[in-house]
Amino acid sequence: MQKNRHAEVVYLNVYHVTSLNKAVELVGLGFYHTSVGIYNLELSYGGDDLDRPGTVVVYRGNSAGLQLKESIAVGLTYFNLDEINNITDYFG
């Protein structure tokens, strides 16, 4: 059954938490929030406007209004979207 699935790229999204990063990055420091991007979703611990604990799932680009610094491809998954939803429901 696995061979009938298509690979989906998984990304690590790195967001600036503060505009001060532009200054402190010059000395190798910074304040960041990260999320895992898969399909059209971002999964993270915190990082939404609802201020609730646990895993948060938002649509891509909606990480509490933070500015995206970079997206880094970190691998592939063969889970489909329903399976991803089941996993995030378990940890949410």
C-alpha atoms as a PDB file:
ATOM      1  CA  MET A   1       0.000   0.000   0.000  1.00  0.00           C
ATOM      2  CA  GLN A   2       2.882   2.382   0.700  1.00  0.00           C
ATOM      3  CA  LYS A   3       3.991   2.280  -2.955  1.00  0.00           C
ATOM      4  CA  ASN A   4       0.657   3.833  -4.062  1.00  0.00           C
ATOM      5  CA  ARG A   5       1.326   6.948  -2.020  1.00  0.00           C
ATOM      6  CA  HIS A   6       3.167  10.029  -3.199  1.00  0.00           C
ATOM      7  CA  ALA A   7       5.941  11.708  -1.285  1.00  0.00           C
ATOM      8  CA  GLU A   8       5.233  15.062   0.354  1.00  0.00           C
ATOM      9  CA  VAL A   9       8.092  17.398   1.255  1.00  0.00           C
ATOM     10  CA  VAL A  10       8.315  18.335   4.941  1.00  0.00           C
ATOM     11  CA  TYR A  11       9.697  21.772   5.828  1.00  0.00           C
ATOM     12  CA  LEU A  12      11.090  23.380   8.937  1.00  0.00           C
ATOM     13  CA  ASN A  13       9.762  26.957   8.905  1.00  0.00           C
ATOM     14  CA  VAL A  14      11.738  29.508  10.901  1.00  0.00           C
ATOM     15  CA  TYR A  15      10.010  32.752  11.932  1.00  0.00           C
ATOM     16  CA  HIS A  16      11.365  35.951  13.429  1.00  0.00           C
ATOM     17  CA  VAL A  17       9.755  36.552  16.839  1.00  0.00           C
ATOM     18  CA  THR A  18      10.971  40.139  17.032  1.00  0.00           C
ATOM     19  CA  SER A  19      12.181  42.812  14.647  1.00  0.00           C
ATOM     20  CA  LEU A  20      15.267  43.095  16.884  1.00  0.00           C
ATOM     21  CA  ASN A  21      16.612  40.000  15.113  1.00  0.00           C
ATOM     22  CA  LYS A  22      17.984  42.170  12.331  1.00  0.00           C
ATOM     23  CA  ALA A  23      20.393  43.715  14.844  1.00  0.00           C
ATOM     24  CA  VAL A  24      21.211  40.720  17.045  1.00  0.00           C
ATOM     25  CA  GLU A  25      21.727  38.341  14.097  1.00  0.00           C
ATOM     26  CA  LEU A  26      24.879  40.347  13.328  1.00  0.00           C
ATOM     27  CA  VAL A  27      26.461  38.746  16.404  1.00  0.00           C
ATOM     28  CA  GLY A  28      24.940  35.310  15.816  1.00  0.00           C
ATOM     29  CA  LEU A  29      21.868  35.601  18.055  1.00  0.00           C
ATOM     30  CA  GLY A  30      18.148  35.822  17.495  1.00  0.00           C
ATOM     31  CA  PHE A  31      14.688  34.975  18.763  1.00  0.00           C
ATOM     32  CA  TYR A  32      12.771  32.490  16.607  1.00  0.00           C
ATOM     33  CA  HIS A  33       9.640  30.387  16.417  1.00  0.00           C
ATOM     34  CA  THR A  34       9.608  27.206  14.331  1.00  0.00           C
ATOM     35  CA  SER A  35       6.933  25.073  12.766  1.00  0.00           C
ATOM     36  CA  VAL A  36       6.814  21.946  10.647  1.00  0.00           C
ATOM     37  CA  GLY A  37       5.238  22.538   7.251  1.00  0.00           C
ATOM     38  CA  ILE A  38       3.425  19.715   5.491  1.00  0.00           C
ATOM     39  CA  TYR A  39       0.768  19.900   2.800  1.00  0.00           C
ATOM     40  CA  ASN A  40      -0.820  23.334   3.312  1.00  0.00           C
ATOM     41  CA  LEU A  41      -0.447  23.162   7.109  1.00  0.00           C
ATOM     42  CA  GLU A  42       2.007  24.249   9.769  1.00  0.00           C
ATOM     43  CA  LEU A  43       2.337  22.314  13.010  1.00  0.00           C
ATOM     44  CA  SER A  44       4.000  23.832  16.041  1.00  0.00           C
ATOM     45  CA  TYR A  45       3.907  24.010  19.788  1.00  0.00           C
ATOM     46  CA  GLY A  46       2.141  27.284  20.437  1.00  0.00           C
ATOM     47  CA  GLY A  47       2.331  30.050  17.885  1.00  0.00           C
ATOM     48  CA  ASP A  48      -1.264  30.965  17.198  1.00  0.00           C
ATOM     49  CA  ASP A  49      -3.517  33.779  18.322  1.00  0.00           C
ATOM     50  CA  LEU A  50      -5.665  31.533  20.546  1.00  0.00           C
ATOM     51  CA  ASP A  51      -3.089  31.260  23.364  1.00  0.00           C
ATOM     52  CA  ARG A  52      -3.719  27.599  24.110  1.00  0.00           C
ATOM     53  CA  PRO A  53      -1.228  24.920  25.124  1.00  0.00           C
ATOM     54  CA  GLY A  54      -0.232  21.927  23.034  1.00  0.00           C
ATOM     55  CA  THR A  55       0.262  21.321  19.360  1.00  0.00           C
ATOM     56  CA  VAL A  56      -1.230  23.958  17.108  1.00  0.00           C
ATOM     57  CA  VAL A  57      -2.172  23.383  13.483  1.00  0.00           C
ATOM     58  CA  VAL A  58      -2.683  26.407  11.251  1.00  0.00           C
ATOM     59  CA  TYR A  59      -2.779  27.006   7.532  1.00  0.00           C
ATOM     60  CA  ARG A  60       0.591  27.804   5.987  1.00  0.00           C
ATOM     61  CA  GLY A  61       1.675  31.372   6.702  1.00  0.00           C
ATOM     62  CA  ASN A  62      -0.596  31.931   9.740  1.00  0.00           C
ATOM     63  CA  SER A  63       1.924  31.565  12.562  1.00  0.00           C
ATOM     64  CA  ALA A  64       0.600  34.370  14.772  1.00  0.00           C
ATOM     65  CA  GLY A  65       1.518  37.075  12.294  1.00  0.00           C
ATOM     66  CA  LEU A  66       5.244  36.379  12.535  1.00  0.00           C
ATOM     67  CA  GLN A  67       7.608  37.129   9.658  1.00  0.00           C
ATOM     68  CA  LEU A  68       8.977  34.047   7.884  1.00  0.00           C
ATOM     69  CA  LYS A  69      12.785  33.949   7.896  1.00  0.00           C
ATOM     70  CA  GLU A  70      13.255  30.729   5.906  1.00  0.00           C
ATOM     71  CA  SER A  71      11.781  27.341   5.028  1.00  0.00           C
ATOM     72  CA  ILE A  72      14.177  24.417   5.013  1.00  0.00           C
ATOM     73  CA  ALA A  73      13.279  21.113   3.341  1.00  0.00           C
ATOM     74  CA  VAL A  74      14.063  18.442   5.943  1.00  0.00           C
ATOM     75  CA  GLY A  75      12.664  15.280   4.389  1.00  0.00           C
ATOM     76  CA  LEU A  76       9.697  13.455   2.935  1.00  0.00           C
ATOM     77  CA  THR A  77       6.606  11.801   4.336  1.00  0.00           C
ATOM     78  CA  TYR A  78       4.222   9.301   2.832  1.00  0.00           C
ATOM     79  CA  PHE A  79       1.437  10.006   5.336  1.00  0.00           C
ATOM     80  CA  ASN A  80      -1.691  11.369   3.695  1.00  0.00           C
ATOM     81  CA  LEU A  81      -3.535  14.405   5.020  1.00  0.00           C
ATOM     82  CA  ASP A  82      -6.076  12.340   7.001  1.00  0.00           C
ATOM     83  CA  GLU A  83      -3.250  10.507   8.764  1.00  0.00           C
ATOM     84  CA  ILE A  84      -1.523  13.800   9.561  1.00  0.00           C
ATOM     85  CA  ASN A  85      -4.793  15.100  11.033  1.00  0.00           C
ATOM     86  CA  ASN A  86      -5.107  11.969  13.202  1.00  0.00           C
ATOM     87  CA  ILE A  87      -1.557  12.416  14.482  1.00  0.00           C
ATOM     88  CA  THR A  88      -2.062  16.090  15.327  1.00  0.00           C
ATOM     89  CA  ASP A  89      -5.418  15.369  17.005  1.00  0.00           C
ATOM     90  CA  TYR A  90      -3.632  12.842  19.233  1.00  0.00           C
ATOM     91  CA  PHE A  91      -1.000  15.382  20.349  1.00  0.00           C
ATOM     92  CA  GLY A  92      -3.264  18.465  20.374  1.00  0.00           C
END
